[in-house]
Amino acid sequence: MSNEEVDDLQLRVAKAIPSDVGHGRARVPFDNDLNLKPGDIVEITGEQKTAAIVWRCRPEDANLGIIRVDGIIRKNAGVSLGDKVSIRKVETQPCQKLILSPVMAKQQKVRFGPGIEGFARRGLNKRPVVSGDRIFIPGMTLFAEALPFQIVQTTPKGIVQVLPDTEIIIKEEPVDEEDESGQPISTISYEDIGGIGEQLQKVREMIELPLKHPILFRRLGIDPPRGVLLHGPPGTGKTLLAKAIANEAQANFISIKGPEMISKWVGESERGIREIFKKAKQSSPSIIFLDEFESIASMRSSSNGEGSDVGNRVVNQLLASMDGVESLDGVIVVAATNRPEMIDPALLRSGRFERVLHVPPPDAPAREAIFQIHSEGMPLSKFSFKDILSSMEGFTGADIEAVCREAALIAMRAGKKKVSKKHFDDAVTRVRPTVTPEMLEYYQKMETRLTSGLSNIKRTRDYGFGMETM
């Protein structure tokens, strides 16, 4: 590097717009002392250093003092939303040689076809890169998900810019993506979640703050929340939300599906739960995610049947693990369910799953945001997608993803190079919406019960069996 300017600028990190994801862009205000213009390269300094190419900020962001970067740039800089970073304009050298390796689990193998280097060179053209960073190559996916690459080496060192004559070498030996707990590292970021901004902000306050800034709680002499329960219709993004939080908080993510914990052998289910909490404490900061929570946390009964005895013991073990003698410093438990009425009330008191959050089906603006995320990268003909969205009442995020996939398949069968409005109209008729009016009414009632305190949960045959459940 040469002719670097010493002046820097302090900005607060914000979410990228969907079209910038994976392109190495930083949208910053130009009314500053750095004299930035589109195409400039800036060094971003958080807990670590990375680089990005400057793009013009949106007019409404001009006076907010924010920098919009995507999840992978935030991860490279070691920051999250709301953190402050320092940026400075830098002059880069041309990248003569760039060596990349795919990021995936050790047991996975990938073999690239001929011409992959040219594809990568076109996708990364004019991008600033730094050795050790992770990047996405636009258009390169694995099993319909963006495949991350790690920059193994650059020649010369430092911040360099990829040019049309850069020699690119892509190794087939993957970089291990497992975290300290042995789980695959998630690449899901906040930009992959559309339409649940309010819920995202609440969950960040409940989970990310205790994991990243535990000293704030110690200073106030209080313990952070231990558990968060997400409930809502299937397909609304509960699992996606938990994965994004873990990735952005740079915490180890241990994902368990409830039915996997049930064993026919006496004591095995309880031992499995103890092992999960032990692993989480050893690899803290950690997030334990319990999906299909109702299968292991249903209300205890006083019957003597074998099945109910297993359920009772599992719930008892969960209670002991969450607020037993041993500390859970650096561990947050997140559970997700679409059957909240089945959860044992004892798990919902303070000190356990004391935060209960309803993840609702998307409304019209949310459906638009989700549609933009899932249609990004699709070759679309010119049409107004708002006409399509008006007929998608009751569609969840998973349903909208299915519509986009079905529309692409219809276009492919017809031999078309672009996906048209007619293809989407046909796809909407083939995908059944998940949320019905009756289901929506049910979840609204459950939200009132669960967020208004345990006293509102009626002790009837449908919702409890008496004080023994407490």
Protein backbone atom coordinates (compact mmCIF):
# COMPACT_ATOMS: atom_id res chain seq x y z
CA MET A 1 0.00 0.00 0.00
CA SER A 2 1.12 3.54 -0.61
CA ASN A 3 -0.14 7.11 -0.19
CA GLU A 4 -2.54 6.08 2.58
CA GLU A 5 -4.45 8.92 4.21
CA VAL A 6 -4.22 9.11 7.97
CA ASP A 7 -7.66 10.62 8.49
CA ASP A 8 -10.33 8.21 9.65
CA LEU A 9 -14.05 8.30 10.26
CA GLN A 10 -16.13 6.70 13.03
CA LEU A 11 -19.41 5.16 11.83
CA ARG A 12 -22.03 2.85 13.30
CA VAL A 13 -22.65 -0.49 11.56
CA ALA A 14 -26.06 -1.09 9.93
CA LYS A 15 -27.62 -3.81 7.75
CA ALA A 16 -26.75 -3.94 4.06
CA ILE A 17 -29.44 -3.63 1.43
CA PRO A 18 -30.24 -7.00 -0.21
CA SER A 19 -28.65 -6.18 -3.58
CA ASP A 20 -25.26 -5.54 -1.89
CA VAL A 21 -24.97 -8.91 -0.14
CA GLY A 22 -21.88 -10.83 -1.23
CA HIS A 23 -20.43 -8.02 -3.36
CA GLY A 24 -17.98 -6.49 -0.87
CA ARG A 25 -19.70 -3.08 -0.80
CA ALA A 26 -19.80 -0.45 1.93
CA ARG A 27 -22.40 2.30 1.66
CA VAL A 28 -21.11 5.37 3.49
CA PRO A 29 -22.09 9.08 3.59
CA PHE A 30 -19.93 11.18 1.27
CA ASP A 31 -20.33 14.43 3.23
CA ASN A 32 -17.20 13.90 5.34
CA ASP A 33 -13.51 14.78 5.58
CA LEU A 34 -12.31 11.67 3.75
CA ASN A 35 -13.46 12.96 0.36
CA LEU A 36 -14.82 9.54 -0.59
CA LYS A 37 -16.33 8.77 -3.95
CA PRO A 38 -17.85 5.62 -5.50
CA GLY A 39 -15.20 3.01 -6.28
CA ASP A 40 -12.78 4.08 -3.55
CA ILE A 41 -11.36 1.39 -1.26
CA VAL A 42 -11.69 1.80 2.50
CA GLU A 43 -10.09 -0.12 5.34
CA ILE A 44 -12.68 -1.02 8.01
CA THR A 45 -11.36 -1.49 11.53
CA GLY A 46 -13.40 -3.17 14.26
CA GLU A 47 -11.96 -5.94 16.39
CA GLN A 48 -10.19 -6.96 13.17
CA LYS A 49 -9.39 -5.22 9.89
CA THR A 50 -10.95 -5.79 6.49
CA ALA A 51 -11.66 -3.78 3.34
CA ALA A 52 -14.60 -2.88 1.11
CA ILE A 53 -15.41 -0.89 -1.99
CA VAL A 54 -17.31 2.36 -1.46
CA TRP A 55 -20.84 2.84 -2.80
CA ARG A 56 -23.08 5.86 -2.40
CA CYS A 57 -25.39 5.74 0.61
CA ARG A 58 -29.16 6.09 0.32
CA PRO A 59 -30.45 9.68 0.71
CA GLU A 60 -32.26 8.85 3.96
CA ASP A 61 -28.96 7.59 5.46
CA ALA A 62 -26.93 10.71 4.64
CA ASN A 63 -27.01 12.23 8.14
CA LEU A 64 -27.28 9.09 10.26
CA GLY A 65 -23.55 8.40 10.60
CA ILE A 66 -23.87 4.76 9.56
CA ILE A 67 -22.03 2.35 7.28
CA ARG A 68 -24.07 -0.39 5.60
CA VAL A 69 -22.12 -3.62 5.12
CA ASP A 70 -23.24 -7.23 4.77
CA GLY A 71 -22.82 -10.08 7.25
CA ILE A 72 -19.58 -11.45 5.84
CA ILE A 73 -17.85 -8.04 5.99
CA ARG A 74 -19.09 -7.62 9.57
CA LYS A 75 -17.68 -11.06 10.41
CA ASN A 76 -14.32 -10.18 8.81
CA ALA A 77 -14.21 -6.97 10.87
CA GLY A 78 -15.35 -8.75 14.05
CA VAL A 79 -18.34 -6.45 14.59
CA SER A 80 -22.12 -6.67 14.72
CA LEU A 81 -25.01 -4.32 14.06
CA GLY A 82 -24.81 -1.17 16.17
CA ASP A 83 -21.06 -1.45 16.81
CA LYS A 84 -18.77 1.41 15.85
CA VAL A 85 -16.01 0.98 13.28
CA SER A 86 -13.26 3.22 12.00
CA ILE A 87 -12.84 3.62 8.23
CA ARG A 88 -10.08 5.23 6.24
CA LYS A 89 -9.38 5.62 2.56
CA VAL A 90 -6.49 3.51 1.27
CA GLU A 91 -4.60 3.07 -1.98
CA THR A 92 -4.31 -0.58 -2.99
CA GLN A 93 -1.87 -2.55 -5.07
CA PRO A 94 -3.03 -4.84 -7.90
CA CYS A 95 -3.48 -8.45 -6.77
CA GLN A 96 -1.03 -10.58 -8.75
CA LYS A 97 -2.04 -13.94 -7.23
CA LEU A 98 -5.03 -14.99 -5.15
CA ILE A 99 -5.43 -18.41 -3.51
CA LEU A 100 -8.91 -19.43 -2.25
CA SER A 101 -10.29 -22.46 -0.41
CA PRO A 102 -13.98 -23.35 0.10
CA VAL A 103 -15.27 -23.21 3.66
CA MET A 104 -17.17 -26.38 4.61
CA ALA A 105 -17.15 -29.28 7.02
CA LYS A 106 -14.15 -31.61 6.83
CA GLN A 107 -16.22 -34.60 5.75
CA GLN A 108 -17.63 -32.69 2.76
CA LYS A 109 -15.87 -32.76 -0.58
CA VAL A 110 -16.27 -30.50 -3.58
CA ARG A 111 -14.84 -30.75 -7.08
CA PHE A 112 -14.79 -27.69 -9.32
CA GLY A 113 -15.13 -27.91 -13.08
CA PRO A 114 -12.88 -26.32 -15.70
CA GLY A 115 -13.14 -22.56 -16.05
CA ILE A 116 -13.97 -21.95 -12.39
CA GLU A 117 -11.02 -19.57 -12.02
CA GLY A 118 -12.32 -17.36 -14.84
CA PHE A 119 -15.78 -17.34 -13.26
CA ALA A 120 -14.28 -16.29 -9.93
CA ARG A 121 -12.13 -13.60 -11.59
CA ARG A 122 -15.20 -12.03 -13.21
CA GLY A 123 -17.20 -12.21 -9.97
CA LEU A 124 -14.41 -10.64 -7.90
CA ASN A 125 -13.25 -8.05 -10.43
CA LYS A 126 -12.18 -4.78 -8.71
CA ARG A 127 -12.94 -6.24 -5.28
CA PRO A 128 -10.52 -5.45 -2.43
CA VAL A 129 -9.38 -8.60 -0.63
CA VAL A 130 -7.31 -9.34 2.49
CA SER A 131 -5.61 -12.60 3.42
CA GLY A 132 -7.58 -14.47 6.08
CA ASP A 133 -10.94 -12.90 5.16
CA ARG A 134 -13.96 -14.85 3.97
CA ILE A 135 -15.83 -13.87 0.83
CA PHE A 136 -18.69 -14.94 -1.41
CA ILE A 137 -18.23 -15.23 -5.16
CA PRO A 138 -21.46 -13.96 -6.78
CA GLY A 139 -23.33 -16.77 -8.50
CA MET A 140 -21.37 -19.61 -6.88
CA THR A 141 -23.63 -21.76 -4.70
CA LEU A 142 -23.70 -25.21 -3.13
CA PHE A 143 -27.08 -26.89 -2.55
CA ALA A 144 -28.83 -23.57 -3.33
CA GLU A 145 -26.82 -21.69 -0.65
CA ALA A 146 -23.96 -19.27 -1.19
CA LEU A 147 -20.62 -21.05 -0.80
CA PRO A 148 -18.12 -19.06 1.31
CA PHE A 149 -14.41 -19.06 0.47
CA GLN A 150 -11.45 -18.19 2.65
CA ILE A 151 -8.63 -16.10 1.24
CA VAL A 152 -5.61 -18.30 1.94
CA GLN A 153 -2.95 -16.05 0.42
CA THR A 154 -2.54 -12.89 -1.64
CA THR A 155 0.47 -11.62 -3.56
CA PRO A 156 1.46 -8.98 -2.55
CA LYS A 157 0.28 -8.93 1.08
CA GLY A 158 -2.06 -6.37 2.62
CA ILE A 159 -5.16 -4.91 0.98
CA VAL A 160 -5.03 -5.73 -2.73
CA GLN A 161 -7.52 -5.35 -5.58
CA VAL A 162 -8.55 -8.16 -7.92
CA LEU A 163 -8.09 -7.22 -11.59
CA PRO A 164 -8.77 -9.03 -14.92
CA ASP A 165 -5.15 -10.26 -15.09
CA THR A 166 -5.05 -11.59 -11.48
CA GLU A 167 -3.99 -15.24 -11.26
CA ILE A 168 -6.61 -17.08 -9.19
CA ILE A 169 -6.06 -20.54 -7.72
CA ILE A 170 -9.04 -22.31 -6.10
CA LYS A 171 -8.07 -25.29 -3.95
CA GLU A 172 -10.46 -28.20 -3.57
CA GLU A 173 -9.26 -28.92 -0.03
CA PRO A 174 -11.82 -27.19 2.21
CA VAL A 175 -11.14 -24.99 5.20
CA ASP A 176 -12.88 -26.55 8.21
CA GLU A 177 -16.04 -24.64 9.06
CA GLU A 178 -16.75 -26.30 12.41
CA ASP A 179 -16.70 -24.19 15.55
CA GLU A 180 -15.36 -25.13 18.99
CA SER A 181 -18.46 -27.19 19.76
CA GLY A 182 -18.01 -29.31 16.63
CA GLN A 183 -21.03 -27.75 14.88
CA PRO A 184 -20.89 -26.33 11.32
CA ILE A 185 -20.47 -22.54 11.28
CA SER A 186 -23.57 -20.84 9.91
CA THR A 187 -23.21 -18.36 7.03
CA ILE A 188 -26.69 -16.91 7.60
CA SER A 189 -26.69 -13.18 8.35
CA TYR A 190 -29.31 -10.58 9.21
CA GLU A 191 -29.64 -9.72 5.50
CA ASP A 192 -31.03 -13.23 4.88
CA ILE A 193 -34.00 -12.46 7.14
CA GLY A 194 -36.80 -10.36 5.75
CA GLY A 195 -39.83 -8.82 7.38
CA ILE A 196 -39.21 -9.44 11.10
CA GLY A 197 -37.24 -6.33 11.99
CA GLU A 198 -39.03 -5.76 15.30
CA GLN A 199 -38.58 -9.37 16.40
CA LEU A 200 -34.94 -9.32 15.27
CA GLN A 201 -34.23 -6.25 17.38
CA LYS A 202 -35.84 -7.82 20.46
CA VAL A 203 -33.96 -11.10 20.05
CA ARG A 204 -30.66 -9.24 19.57
CA GLU A 205 -31.24 -7.43 22.87
CA MET A 206 -32.04 -10.73 24.61
CA ILE A 207 -29.22 -12.84 23.14
CA GLU A 208 -26.48 -10.84 21.47
CA LEU A 209 -26.01 -8.27 24.24
CA PRO A 210 -25.44 -10.84 27.05
CA LEU A 211 -23.02 -12.84 24.88
CA LYS A 212 -20.96 -9.92 23.57
CA HIS A 213 -21.12 -7.53 26.53
CA PRO A 214 -21.57 -9.58 29.74
CA ILE A 215 -19.66 -6.95 31.73
CA LEU A 216 -22.65 -4.60 31.43
CA PHE A 217 -24.78 -7.06 33.40
CA ARG A 218 -22.07 -7.61 36.01
CA ARG A 219 -21.75 -3.87 36.49
CA LEU A 220 -25.46 -3.67 37.27
CA GLY A 221 -25.29 -6.72 39.52
CA ILE A 222 -27.85 -8.77 37.57
CA ASP A 223 -27.83 -12.01 35.62
CA PRO A 224 -28.67 -11.91 31.89
CA PRO A 225 -31.70 -13.81 30.56
CA ARG A 226 -31.00 -17.54 30.27
CA GLY A 227 -33.69 -18.62 27.86
CA VAL A 228 -35.78 -17.28 24.99
CA LEU A 229 -38.84 -19.04 23.56
CA LEU A 230 -39.80 -18.29 19.96
CA HIS A 231 -43.29 -19.35 18.93
CA GLY A 232 -45.29 -18.87 15.77
CA PRO A 233 -46.62 -20.64 12.68
CA PRO A 234 -44.33 -23.00 10.73
CA GLY A 235 -42.13 -21.30 8.14
CA THR A 236 -42.00 -17.83 9.71
CA GLY A 237 -38.21 -17.86 10.27
CA LYS A 238 -37.75 -18.94 13.90
CA THR A 239 -34.83 -21.28 13.12
CA LEU A 240 -33.33 -18.82 10.62
CA LEU A 241 -33.49 -16.07 13.25
CA ALA A 242 -31.60 -18.17 15.81
CA LYS A 243 -28.89 -19.14 13.29
CA ALA A 244 -28.37 -15.53 12.21
CA ILE A 245 -28.06 -14.33 15.80
CA ALA A 246 -25.45 -17.02 16.56
CA ASN A 247 -23.44 -16.16 13.45
CA GLU A 248 -23.53 -12.40 14.04
CA ALA A 249 -22.74 -12.74 17.75
CA GLN A 250 -19.79 -15.00 16.80
CA ALA A 251 -21.05 -17.61 19.24
CA ASN A 252 -20.91 -21.38 18.94
CA PHE A 253 -24.27 -22.70 17.78
CA ILE A 254 -25.51 -26.07 19.04
CA SER A 255 -28.69 -27.04 17.22
CA ILE A 256 -30.82 -29.91 18.52
CA LYS A 257 -34.20 -31.11 17.27
CA GLY A 258 -36.44 -32.17 20.14
CA PRO A 259 -37.34 -35.66 18.86
CA GLU A 260 -33.63 -36.52 18.55
CA MET A 261 -33.34 -36.35 22.33
CA ILE A 262 -35.96 -39.01 23.04
CA SER A 263 -34.47 -42.47 23.62
CA LYS A 264 -36.12 -45.79 24.47
CA TRP A 265 -33.36 -46.50 27.00
CA VAL A 266 -33.96 -45.33 30.56
CA GLY A 267 -31.80 -42.32 31.42
CA GLU A 268 -30.41 -41.77 27.89
CA SER A 269 -32.64 -38.76 27.14
CA GLU A 270 -31.62 -37.02 30.36
CA ARG A 271 -27.95 -37.82 29.76
CA GLY A 272 -28.21 -36.31 26.28
CA ILE A 273 -29.52 -33.04 27.69
CA ARG A 274 -26.76 -32.93 30.32
CA GLU A 275 -24.13 -33.50 27.61
CA ILE A 276 -25.52 -30.64 25.49
CA PHE A 277 -25.32 -28.17 28.36
CA LYS A 278 -21.85 -29.45 29.27
CA LYS A 279 -20.62 -28.97 25.70
CA ALA A 280 -22.14 -25.47 25.56
CA LYS A 281 -20.41 -24.39 28.78
CA GLN A 282 -17.06 -25.76 27.60
CA SER A 283 -17.28 -23.85 24.30
CA SER A 284 -18.92 -20.64 25.56
CA PRO A 285 -20.06 -18.17 24.36
CA SER A 286 -22.66 -20.56 23.01
CA ILE A 287 -26.27 -20.68 21.92
CA ILE A 288 -28.23 -23.90 22.45
CA PHE A 289 -31.10 -24.04 19.96
CA LEU A 290 -33.89 -26.50 20.74
CA ASP A 291 -36.14 -26.90 17.71
CA GLU A 292 -39.58 -28.56 17.95
CA PHE A 293 -39.37 -27.79 21.65
CA GLU A 294 -42.82 -29.14 22.46
CA SER A 295 -41.59 -32.71 21.88
CA ILE A 296 -39.29 -32.58 24.95
CA ALA A 297 -40.99 -29.89 27.06
CA SER A 298 -44.63 -30.92 27.11
CA MET A 299 -46.58 -30.54 30.34
CA ARG A 300 -45.82 -33.16 32.97
CA SER A 301 -48.59 -35.51 34.01
CA SER A 302 -49.20 -37.67 37.06
CA SER A 303 -50.00 -40.82 35.06
CA ASN A 304 -47.83 -43.92 35.40
CA GLY A 305 -47.43 -44.70 31.71
CA GLU A 306 -43.93 -45.31 30.41
CA GLY A 307 -44.11 -42.57 27.78
CA SER A 308 -45.27 -39.92 30.26
CA ASP A 309 -42.50 -40.95 32.69
CA VAL A 310 -39.86 -40.26 29.99
CA GLY A 311 -41.44 -36.88 29.25
CA ASN A 312 -41.54 -35.99 32.94
CA ARG A 313 -37.88 -36.93 33.43
CA VAL A 314 -36.79 -34.91 30.39
CA VAL A 315 -38.63 -31.80 31.60
CA ASN A 316 -37.15 -32.25 35.08
CA GLN A 317 -33.66 -32.49 33.58
CA LEU A 318 -34.25 -29.32 31.53
CA LEU A 319 -35.33 -27.50 34.68
CA ALA A 320 -32.27 -28.73 36.58
CA SER A 321 -29.88 -27.82 33.75
CA MET A 322 -31.25 -24.30 33.31
CA ASP A 323 -31.36 -23.12 36.92
CA GLY A 324 -29.37 -25.71 38.84
CA VAL A 325 -26.34 -25.11 41.01
CA GLU A 326 -23.88 -24.79 38.10
CA SER A 327 -23.58 -21.42 36.38
CA LEU A 328 -24.59 -20.91 32.74
CA ASP A 329 -22.29 -17.94 32.10
CA GLY A 330 -21.91 -17.35 28.37
CA VAL A 331 -24.72 -19.77 27.43
CA ILE A 332 -28.13 -18.74 26.09
CA VAL A 333 -30.87 -21.30 25.41
CA VAL A 334 -33.23 -20.55 22.51
CA ALA A 335 -36.25 -22.76 21.90
CA ALA A 336 -38.70 -22.71 18.99
CA THR A 337 -42.16 -24.20 18.79
CA ASN A 338 -45.38 -23.90 16.82
CA ARG A 339 -47.36 -25.55 19.64
CA PRO A 340 -46.82 -23.18 22.60
CA GLU A 341 -49.86 -24.48 24.52
CA MET A 342 -48.04 -27.81 25.04
CA ILE A 343 -45.04 -26.29 26.90
CA ASP A 344 -44.84 -27.04 30.63
CA PRO A 345 -45.58 -23.76 32.49
CA ALA A 346 -42.68 -24.38 34.89
CA LEU A 347 -40.27 -23.76 32.00
CA LEU A 348 -41.75 -20.32 31.36
CA ARG A 349 -41.08 -18.74 34.73
CA SER A 350 -38.29 -16.23 35.44
CA GLY A 351 -34.80 -17.69 35.32
CA ARG A 352 -35.74 -20.22 32.64
CA PHE A 353 -37.51 -19.25 29.40
CA GLU A 354 -38.50 -15.89 30.79
CA ARG A 355 -38.56 -14.16 27.40
CA VAL A 356 -41.36 -15.30 25.11
CA LEU A 357 -41.45 -13.84 21.59
CA HIS A 358 -44.12 -14.33 18.95
CA VAL A 359 -42.76 -14.55 15.37
CA PRO A 360 -45.83 -13.68 13.29
CA PRO A 361 -46.51 -14.47 9.63
CA PRO A 362 -45.29 -11.69 7.32
CA ASP A 363 -47.50 -8.74 6.48
CA ALA A 364 -47.50 -7.04 3.05
CA PRO A 365 -44.20 -5.05 3.48
CA ALA A 366 -42.55 -8.12 5.00
CA ARG A 367 -43.65 -10.34 2.11
CA GLU A 368 -42.13 -7.81 -0.28
CA ALA A 369 -38.80 -7.87 1.58
CA ILE A 370 -38.78 -11.68 1.66
CA PHE A 371 -39.63 -11.87 -2.04
CA GLN A 372 -36.71 -9.57 -2.88
CA ILE A 373 -34.32 -11.75 -0.88
CA HIS A 374 -35.38 -15.01 -2.55
CA SER A 375 -35.63 -13.56 -6.07
CA GLU A 376 -32.22 -11.90 -5.84
CA GLY A 377 -30.03 -13.38 -8.55
CA MET A 378 -32.95 -14.77 -10.55
CA PRO A 379 -33.13 -13.58 -14.19
CA LEU A 380 -36.48 -11.77 -14.10
CA SER A 381 -38.38 -10.19 -16.97
CA LYS A 382 -39.80 -6.70 -16.41
CA PHE A 383 -42.98 -6.74 -14.33
CA SER A 384 -44.35 -5.37 -11.07
CA PHE A 385 -44.07 -8.07 -8.42
CA LYS A 386 -46.51 -6.14 -6.19
CA ASP A 387 -49.34 -7.62 -8.27
CA ILE A 388 -48.09 -11.09 -7.35
CA LEU A 389 -47.68 -10.27 -3.66
CA SER A 390 -51.27 -9.02 -3.42
CA SER A 391 -52.45 -12.60 -3.98
CA MET A 392 -50.10 -14.12 -1.38
CA GLU A 393 -52.02 -13.42 1.82
CA GLY A 394 -51.25 -16.15 4.36
CA PHE A 395 -47.90 -17.11 2.76
CA THR A 396 -44.97 -17.45 5.16
CA GLY A 397 -41.32 -16.88 4.33
CA ALA A 398 -40.89 -20.59 3.52
CA ASP A 399 -43.95 -20.44 1.24
CA ILE A 400 -42.55 -17.42 -0.64
CA GLU A 401 -39.23 -19.23 -1.11
CA ALA A 402 -41.18 -22.21 -2.50
CA VAL A 403 -43.05 -19.90 -4.92
CA CYS A 404 -39.76 -18.45 -6.25
CA ARG A 405 -38.31 -21.94 -6.68
CA GLU A 406 -41.46 -23.24 -8.40
CA ALA A 407 -41.58 -20.23 -10.76
CA ALA A 408 -37.95 -20.88 -11.78
CA LEU A 409 -38.73 -24.55 -12.43
CA ILE A 410 -41.77 -23.64 -14.56
CA ALA A 411 -39.61 -21.27 -16.63
CA MET A 412 -36.95 -23.96 -16.99
CA ARG A 413 -39.48 -26.54 -18.20
CA ALA A 414 -40.76 -24.03 -20.76
CA GLY A 415 -37.21 -23.41 -22.00
CA LYS A 416 -37.28 -19.73 -21.05
CA LYS A 417 -34.16 -17.81 -20.05
CA LYS A 418 -36.06 -15.39 -17.81
CA VAL A 419 -38.75 -15.85 -15.19
CA SER A 420 -41.89 -13.89 -16.05
CA LYS A 421 -44.97 -12.76 -14.16
CA LYS A 422 -46.97 -15.63 -15.68
CA HIS A 423 -44.51 -18.14 -14.23
CA PHE A 424 -44.98 -16.60 -10.77
CA ASP A 425 -48.77 -16.55 -11.15
CA ASP A 426 -48.72 -20.27 -11.97
CA ALA A 427 -46.38 -20.95 -9.05
CA VAL A 428 -48.68 -19.17 -6.58
CA THR A 429 -51.52 -21.52 -7.54
CA ARG A 430 -49.30 -24.56 -6.91
CA VAL A 431 -48.06 -23.58 -3.43
CA ARG A 432 -50.54 -23.80 -0.59
CA PRO A 433 -50.30 -21.00 2.01
CA THR A 434 -49.39 -22.20 5.49
CA VAL A 435 -51.32 -19.67 7.57
CA THR A 436 -55.11 -19.86 7.70
CA PRO A 437 -57.38 -17.31 9.44
CA GLU A 438 -58.08 -19.88 12.19
CA MET A 439 -54.34 -20.43 12.74
CA LEU A 440 -53.72 -16.69 12.88
CA GLU A 441 -56.45 -16.27 15.52
CA TYR A 442 -54.96 -19.12 17.57
CA TYR A 443 -51.45 -17.62 17.66
CA GLN A 444 -52.78 -14.18 18.52
CA LYS A 445 -54.60 -15.68 21.51
CA MET A 446 -51.49 -17.60 22.58
CA GLU A 447 -49.37 -14.45 22.29
CA THR A 448 -51.71 -12.68 24.71
CA ARG A 449 -51.58 -15.59 27.16
CA LEU A 450 -47.82 -16.08 27.06
CA THR A 451 -46.73 -12.46 27.12
CA SER A 452 -49.15 -11.38 29.85
CA GLY A 453 -47.61 -13.55 32.56
CA LEU A 454 -48.11 -17.09 33.78
CA SER A 455 -51.23 -16.11 35.70
CA ASN A 456 -53.03 -15.79 32.38
CA ILE A 457 -52.41 -19.43 31.45
CA LYS A 458 -55.62 -21.08 32.53
CA ARG A 459 -55.28 -24.32 34.47
CA THR A 460 -57.79 -26.34 32.41
CA ARG A 461 -57.58 -29.74 30.80
CA ASP A 462 -56.36 -28.04 27.65
CA TYR A 463 -53.64 -25.92 29.23
CA GLY A 464 -52.48 -27.62 32.43
CA PHE A 465 -53.06 -30.26 35.03
CA GLY A 466 -52.82 -28.35 38.30
CA MET A 467 -50.15 -27.02 40.61
CA GLU A 468 -48.01 -30.16 40.27
CA THR A 469 -46.89 -28.82 36.87
CA MET A 470 -45.32 -25.80 38.54
